[in-house]
Protein backbone atom coordinates (compact mmCIF):
# COMPACT_ATOMS: atom_id res chain seq x y z
CA UNK A 1 -85.08 -37.69 45.06
CA UNK A 2 -82.85 -38.45 47.71
CA UNK A 3 -80.96 -41.81 47.95
CA UNK A 4 -80.72 -43.57 51.21
CA UNK A 5 -77.72 -45.25 52.83
CA UNK A 6 -77.96 -48.48 54.58
CA UNK A 7 -75.78 -49.21 57.52
CA UNK A 8 -74.26 -46.12 58.82
CA UNK A 9 -74.41 -44.59 62.17
CA UNK A 10 -74.35 -40.70 61.81
CA UNK A 11 -74.26 -38.52 64.67
CA UNK A 12 -75.48 -35.03 65.11
CA UNK A 13 -72.86 -32.89 63.85
CA UNK A 14 -71.32 -32.52 60.38
CA UNK A 15 -67.68 -31.18 59.82
CA UNK A 16 -67.29 -30.18 56.07
CA UNK A 17 -64.62 -28.08 54.28
CA UNK A 18 -65.26 -24.26 53.40
CA UNK A 19 -65.67 -25.27 49.97
CA UNK A 20 -68.82 -27.34 50.81
CA UNK A 21 -70.35 -24.60 52.85
CA UNK A 22 -69.76 -22.00 49.84
CA UNK A 23 -71.22 -24.12 47.14
CA UNK A 24 -73.63 -22.88 44.89
CA UNK A 25 -77.36 -23.54 46.05
CA UNK A 26 -78.09 -24.81 42.51
CA UNK A 27 -75.17 -27.70 42.81
CA UNK A 28 -76.80 -31.01 43.81
CA UNK A 29 -74.63 -32.52 46.59
CA UNK A 30 -73.34 -36.15 46.59
CA UNK A 31 -71.85 -37.82 49.78
CA UNK A 32 -69.52 -41.03 49.19
CA UNK A 33 -68.96 -42.79 52.37
CA UNK A 34 -65.63 -44.81 52.65
CA UNK A 35 -64.11 -45.21 56.16
CA UNK A 36 -60.42 -46.31 55.22
CA UNK A 37 -57.75 -47.22 53.97
CA UNK A 38 -55.22 -45.19 52.10
CA UNK A 39 -55.35 -47.08 48.83
CA UNK A 40 -58.99 -47.40 49.16
CA UNK A 41 -59.52 -43.47 49.39
CA UNK A 42 -57.32 -43.06 46.44
CA UNK A 43 -59.32 -45.40 44.35
CA UNK A 44 -62.58 -43.58 45.15
CA UNK A 45 -61.16 -40.49 43.62
CA UNK A 46 -62.41 -41.38 39.69
CA UNK A 47 -65.83 -41.71 41.26
CA UNK A 48 -65.83 -38.42 43.09
CA UNK A 49 -64.10 -36.87 39.87
CA UNK A 50 -67.19 -38.51 37.80
CA UNK A 51 -69.68 -36.85 39.97
CA UNK A 52 -67.52 -33.32 39.97
CA UNK A 53 -67.84 -33.35 35.91
CA UNK A 54 -71.68 -33.92 36.31
CA UNK A 55 -71.50 -30.56 37.98
CA UNK A 56 -72.61 -32.02 41.42
CA UNK A 57 -70.78 -30.95 44.46
CA UNK A 58 -68.84 -33.95 45.81
CA UNK A 59 -67.98 -34.57 49.60
CA UNK A 60 -66.05 -37.83 50.65
CA UNK A 61 -66.64 -38.92 54.29
CA UNK A 62 -63.58 -40.83 55.69
CA UNK A 63 -61.25 -40.81 58.38
CA UNK A 64 -59.31 -37.55 59.21
CA UNK A 65 -56.03 -39.05 58.44
CA UNK A 66 -56.97 -39.45 54.87
CA UNK A 67 -57.91 -35.80 54.27
CA UNK A 68 -54.83 -34.91 52.52
CA UNK A 69 -55.54 -37.35 49.72
CA UNK A 70 -58.82 -35.41 48.94
CA UNK A 71 -56.78 -32.20 49.14
CA UNK A 72 -54.27 -33.33 46.51
CA UNK A 73 -56.61 -35.11 44.29
CA UNK A 74 -56.79 -33.39 40.81
CA UNK A 75 -59.27 -31.75 41.13
CA UNK A 76 -59.50 -31.51 45.07
CA UNK A 77 -62.46 -33.03 46.66
CA UNK A 78 -64.26 -31.87 49.70
CA UNK A 79 -63.75 -33.71 53.23
CA UNK A 80 -66.30 -34.77 55.83
CA UNK A 81 -65.29 -36.67 58.77
CA UNK A 82 -66.55 -40.18 58.90
CA UNK A 83 -67.58 -39.92 62.47
CA UNK A 84 -69.83 -36.73 62.04
CA UNK A 85 -71.85 -36.59 58.94
CA UNK A 86 -75.70 -36.10 58.40
CA UNK A 87 -76.98 -37.97 55.27
CA UNK A 88 -80.05 -35.62 55.07
CA UNK A 89 -77.72 -32.94 54.34
CA UNK A 90 -77.05 -34.26 50.96
CA UNK A 91 -79.03 -35.22 47.78
CA UNK A 92 -77.51 -38.37 47.23
CA UNK A 93 -75.51 -40.59 49.44
CA UNK A 94 -73.82 -43.58 48.61
CA UNK A 95 -72.12 -46.40 51.13
CA UNK A 96 -68.80 -47.57 49.50
CA UNK A 97 -67.94 -49.74 52.55
CA UNK A 98 -69.68 -52.49 51.09
CA UNK A 99 -68.61 -55.35 48.76
CA UNK A 100 -69.87 -55.91 45.48
CA UNK A 101 -67.26 -58.09 43.96
CA UNK A 102 -69.54 -60.53 41.57
CA UNK A 103 -71.43 -57.64 39.84
CA UNK A 104 -71.67 -57.51 36.05
CA UNK A 105 -68.87 -54.89 35.02
CA UNK A 106 -66.90 -55.15 38.22
CA UNK A 107 -63.39 -56.16 37.00
CA UNK A 108 -61.60 -53.84 39.54
CA UNK A 109 -61.99 -52.15 42.81
CA UNK A 110 -62.42 -48.92 41.08
CA UNK A 111 -65.28 -50.63 39.09
CA UNK A 112 -66.75 -51.56 42.58
CA UNK A 113 -66.92 -48.13 43.71
CA UNK A 114 -68.54 -46.83 40.61
CA UNK A 115 -71.05 -49.58 40.84
CA UNK A 116 -71.92 -48.81 44.60
CA UNK A 117 -72.35 -45.30 43.53
CA UNK A 118 -75.04 -46.23 40.99
CA UNK A 119 -72.74 -45.75 37.88
CA UNK A 120 -72.53 -47.89 34.81
CA UNK A 121 -69.03 -48.86 34.51
CA UNK A 122 -69.43 -49.59 30.78
CA UNK A 123 -70.23 -45.78 30.24
CA UNK A 124 -66.81 -44.82 32.02
CA UNK A 125 -63.53 -44.54 29.88
CA UNK A 126 -60.22 -46.29 31.01
CA UNK A 127 -58.78 -42.91 31.60
CA UNK A 128 -61.88 -41.59 33.75
CA UNK A 129 -60.95 -44.81 36.04
CA UNK A 130 -57.69 -43.88 36.75
CA UNK A 131 -56.99 -41.98 40.11
CA UNK A 132 -55.42 -38.88 39.75
CA UNK A 133 -53.38 -36.68 42.29
CA UNK A 134 -50.95 -33.79 41.98
CA UNK A 135 -48.27 -32.75 44.49
CA UNK A 136 -49.26 -28.95 45.40
CA UNK A 137 -46.47 -26.35 44.82
CA UNK A 138 -45.72 -25.76 48.40
CA UNK A 139 -45.16 -29.43 49.09
CA UNK A 140 -43.14 -29.61 45.85
CA UNK A 141 -40.87 -26.92 47.06
CA UNK A 142 -40.33 -28.43 50.50
CA UNK A 143 -39.44 -31.46 48.77
CA UNK A 144 -36.73 -29.88 46.54
CA UNK A 145 -35.28 -28.03 49.40
CA UNK A 146 -35.19 -31.29 51.33
CA UNK A 147 -33.65 -33.19 48.68
CA UNK A 148 -30.91 -30.24 47.92
CA UNK A 149 -30.06 -30.10 51.61
CA UNK A 150 -29.30 -33.78 51.70
CA UNK A 151 -27.47 -33.68 48.21
CA UNK A 152 -29.79 -36.16 46.60
CA UNK A 153 -30.12 -34.46 43.35
CA UNK A 154 -27.00 -35.73 41.79
CA UNK A 155 -28.32 -39.50 41.58
CA UNK A 156 -31.55 -41.11 40.71
CA UNK A 157 -33.66 -41.45 43.50
CA UNK A 158 -35.99 -44.35 44.26
CA UNK A 159 -38.66 -44.68 46.83
CA UNK A 160 -38.85 -48.08 48.19
CA UNK A 161 -41.71 -49.78 50.43
CA UNK A 162 -41.60 -53.50 51.39
CA UNK A 163 -43.67 -53.73 54.34
CA UNK A 164 -47.62 -53.24 54.60
CA UNK A 165 -49.18 -51.54 57.65
CA UNK A 166 -49.00 -55.00 59.09
CA UNK A 167 -45.40 -56.24 58.91
CA UNK A 168 -46.54 -59.79 59.42
CA UNK A 169 -48.84 -59.59 56.29
CA UNK A 170 -47.77 -62.10 53.34
CA UNK A 171 -48.07 -59.05 51.18
CA UNK A 172 -44.70 -57.79 52.83
CA UNK A 173 -41.54 -58.57 51.14
CA UNK A 174 -38.68 -57.33 53.25
CA UNK A 175 -35.36 -55.85 51.81
CA UNK A 176 -33.73 -59.24 51.31
CA UNK A 177 -34.79 -59.70 47.37
CA UNK A 178 -33.21 -56.03 46.76
CA UNK A 179 -30.04 -56.17 48.85
CA UNK A 180 -27.72 -57.96 46.46
CA UNK A 181 -29.26 -56.58 43.38
CA UNK A 182 -29.89 -52.86 44.05
CA UNK A 183 -28.12 -51.39 46.86
CA UNK A 184 -24.68 -51.75 45.34
CA UNK A 185 -25.79 -49.33 42.51
CA UNK A 186 -23.79 -46.11 43.31
CA UNK A 187 -25.83 -44.24 41.04
CA UNK A 188 -29.13 -44.58 42.78
CA UNK A 189 -30.42 -43.46 46.14
CA UNK A 190 -32.77 -45.69 47.73
CA UNK A 191 -35.10 -44.09 50.18
CA UNK A 192 -36.67 -46.53 52.43
CA UNK A 193 -40.18 -45.56 53.30
CA UNK A 194 -42.67 -47.28 55.64
CA UNK A 195 -44.73 -46.41 58.80
CA UNK A 196 -43.03 -49.11 61.17
CA UNK A 197 -39.43 -48.58 61.62
CA UNK A 198 -37.18 -51.27 60.05
CA UNK A 199 -33.52 -52.22 59.98
CA UNK A 200 -31.78 -51.47 56.64
CA UNK A 201 -28.28 -51.86 55.23
CA UNK A 202 -25.92 -49.27 56.45
CA UNK A 203 -24.99 -48.11 52.91
CA UNK A 204 -24.31 -44.22 51.81
CA UNK A 205 -26.90 -44.57 49.00
CA UNK A 206 -29.66 -46.10 51.32
CA UNK A 207 -31.58 -43.82 53.44
CA UNK A 208 -33.76 -45.52 56.00
CA UNK A 209 -36.72 -43.15 56.55
CA UNK A 210 -39.16 -45.71 58.04
CA UNK A 211 -40.99 -44.79 60.89
CA UNK A 212 -39.81 -40.97 59.99
CA UNK A 213 -42.03 -39.53 57.50
CA UNK A 214 -43.90 -36.96 59.54
CA UNK A 215 -47.11 -36.28 57.43
CA UNK A 216 -48.81 -37.72 54.50
CA UNK A 217 -48.11 -34.41 52.73
CA UNK A 218 -44.56 -34.78 53.14
CA UNK A 219 -44.84 -38.25 51.97
CA UNK A 220 -46.32 -37.08 48.64
CA UNK A 221 -43.98 -34.61 48.32
CA UNK A 222 -41.22 -36.93 48.55
CA UNK A 223 -42.70 -39.69 46.17
CA UNK A 224 -43.47 -37.00 43.57
CA UNK A 225 -39.89 -35.86 43.77
CA UNK A 226 -38.54 -39.32 43.41
CA UNK A 227 -37.73 -40.79 39.84
CA UNK A 228 -39.50 -44.11 40.50
CA UNK A 229 -40.89 -46.31 43.09
CA UNK A 230 -40.80 -49.90 44.14
CA UNK A 231 -43.41 -51.20 46.33
CA UNK A 232 -45.60 -54.15 47.31
CA UNK A 233 -49.40 -53.70 47.14
CA UNK A 234 -50.02 -51.08 49.86
CA UNK A 235 -51.20 -47.51 49.91
CA UNK A 236 -47.61 -46.45 48.59
CA UNK A 237 -48.81 -48.26 45.28
CA UNK A 238 -51.78 -46.18 44.83
CA UNK A 239 -50.13 -42.98 45.79
CA UNK A 240 -47.47 -43.64 42.85
CA UNK A 241 -49.88 -44.65 40.65
CA UNK A 242 -52.17 -41.69 41.07
CA UNK A 243 -49.07 -39.40 40.93
CA UNK A 244 -48.08 -41.05 37.57
CA UNK A 245 -44.86 -42.27 38.85
CA UNK A 246 -42.51 -44.95 37.00
CA UNK A 247 -43.36 -47.77 39.39
CA UNK A 248 -42.68 -51.49 39.83
CA UNK A 249 -45.12 -53.21 41.96
CA UNK A 250 -44.72 -56.67 43.69
CA UNK A 251 -47.79 -58.65 44.45
CA UNK A 252 -48.39 -62.02 46.28
CA UNK A 253 -51.61 -62.73 48.16
CA UNK A 254 -53.79 -60.14 46.33
CA UNK A 255 -54.53 -59.88 42.80
CA UNK A 256 -53.19 -57.11 40.50
CA UNK A 257 -56.07 -57.28 37.95
CA UNK A 258 -58.41 -55.83 40.64
CA UNK A 259 -56.17 -53.57 42.37
CA UNK A 260 -53.53 -52.08 39.85
CA UNK A 261 -54.55 -52.43 36.14
CA UNK A 262 -56.17 -48.75 35.96
CA UNK A 263 -52.72 -47.55 36.49
CA UNK A 264 -50.14 -46.46 33.66
CA UNK A 265 -46.21 -46.46 33.78
CA UNK A 266 -46.33 -49.36 36.11
CA UNK A 267 -44.87 -53.19 35.71
CA UNK A 268 -46.38 -55.74 38.07
CA UNK A 269 -44.41 -58.69 39.18
CA UNK A 270 -46.98 -61.33 40.45
CA UNK A 271 -46.39 -64.52 42.40
CA UNK A 272 -49.57 -65.72 40.48
CA UNK A 273 -50.01 -68.93 42.73
CA UNK A 274 -53.31 -70.86 42.52
CA UNK A 275 -54.24 -69.86 46.08
CA UNK A 276 -54.28 -66.13 45.18
CA UNK A 277 -56.16 -64.16 46.34
CA UNK A 278 -56.08 -65.48 49.85
CA UNK A 279 -56.29 -61.91 51.11
CA UNK A 280 -53.70 -62.79 53.67
CA UNK A 281 -55.69 -65.57 55.68
CA UNK A 282 -53.84 -68.77 56.28
CA UNK A 283 -50.46 -67.90 55.07
CA UNK A 284 -46.81 -67.61 56.71
CA UNK A 285 -45.55 -64.74 54.52
CA UNK A 286 -44.14 -67.30 51.85
CA UNK A 287 -45.56 -65.65 48.91
CA UNK A 288 -44.30 -62.16 47.96
CA UNK A 289 -40.78 -62.60 49.51
CA UNK A 290 -40.13 -65.46 46.91
CA UNK A 291 -39.74 -63.08 44.19
CA UNK A 292 -36.27 -63.70 42.22
CA UNK A 293 -33.93 -60.81 42.79
CA UNK A 294 -32.38 -60.90 39.30
CA UNK A 295 -36.03 -60.36 38.14
CA UNK A 296 -36.69 -57.39 40.24
CA UNK A 297 -33.36 -55.95 38.64
CA UNK A 298 -34.17 -56.74 35.02
CA UNK A 299 -37.79 -55.47 35.49
CA UNK A 300 -36.84 -52.43 37.18
CA UNK A 301 -34.38 -51.36 34.09
CA UNK A 302 -37.62 -51.46 31.77
CA UNK A 303 -39.68 -49.33 34.41
CA UNK A 304 -36.81 -46.63 34.34
CA UNK A 305 -36.35 -46.73 30.31
CA UNK A 306 -39.68 -44.87 30.26
CA UNK A 307 -42.35 -47.66 30.34
CA UNK A 308 -45.72 -45.90 30.17
CA UNK A 309 -47.99 -48.91 29.92
CA UNK A 310 -49.23 -51.52 32.24
CA UNK A 311 -47.83 -54.86 32.40
CA UNK A 312 -47.97 -58.06 34.59
CA UNK A 313 -45.24 -60.68 34.69
CA UNK A 314 -44.98 -64.07 36.83
CA UNK A 315 -41.91 -64.65 38.87
CA UNK A 316 -40.40 -66.50 36.03
CA UNK A 317 -40.47 -63.21 34.01
CA UNK A 318 -43.09 -64.33 31.56
CA UNK A 319 -45.64 -61.89 30.43
CA UNK A 320 -49.29 -62.58 31.88
CA UNK A 321 -50.85 -59.38 30.82
CA UNK A 322 -49.94 -56.08 28.85
CA UNK A 323 -52.01 -53.15 27.74
């Protein structure tokens, strides 16, 4: 029985990977539709892998720029361009662009995607809900050569992202909370990453790569090569979580229990304000930047000690949740 989708506007031509065209005729096919963004596509991966484990051929329809996420998923997932898919080519089609926040069993955004795909979240283990990606050998080799050419391997390397796609978003933190505590540490290289160019301190161990990461493949290679990641709630956080990196994530207007609690090796600093989540409406960027620099430094030491669980602290350093 074919599952119909609601609210799509497919056009005449479908573009798929060769793996889809070569699939076994006996494999039922499933199409998951999620247009964007980077973090959301990463959070769709557990649903795709659940269908994969059910011996179903899984395809994700999304924007071309996110195809790399599917290629680097573990295991890889077939891609279909969001603008050219034909629902009738698939046995089951699930629209994941909807919202389903108040449904029974939906505690995280990953749960929401499972629910939209008709899967009972209570039947899925915590491990199966964690997005998983792996850096391909060729990209790992490229990153290794690049780091060697820059003589970065003699220090700890930390990837840092402090701005969201929209620099004016209250999720953005800026570099000020890091400048006095971190950048003076001569044993650490800080690789500042971000799509939009930004000014950074002129210091030998601070590398300003904002606006300069050429492709998502290269970004995955760089992050995988780093020892740890410091990030706000943005696509970088989900990339670090899916790669299993030691991560310090800083939250303000969004909720970590909904967007990060399925990851491991992660400590979250959460503003934990009564107005959260505001989802960036009506705020003048006074949320995330209020994180105390001393707290970032102390928490980062715990992250670098090999912390392998998931913990949330408020901006006073008090534990809100740990598992």
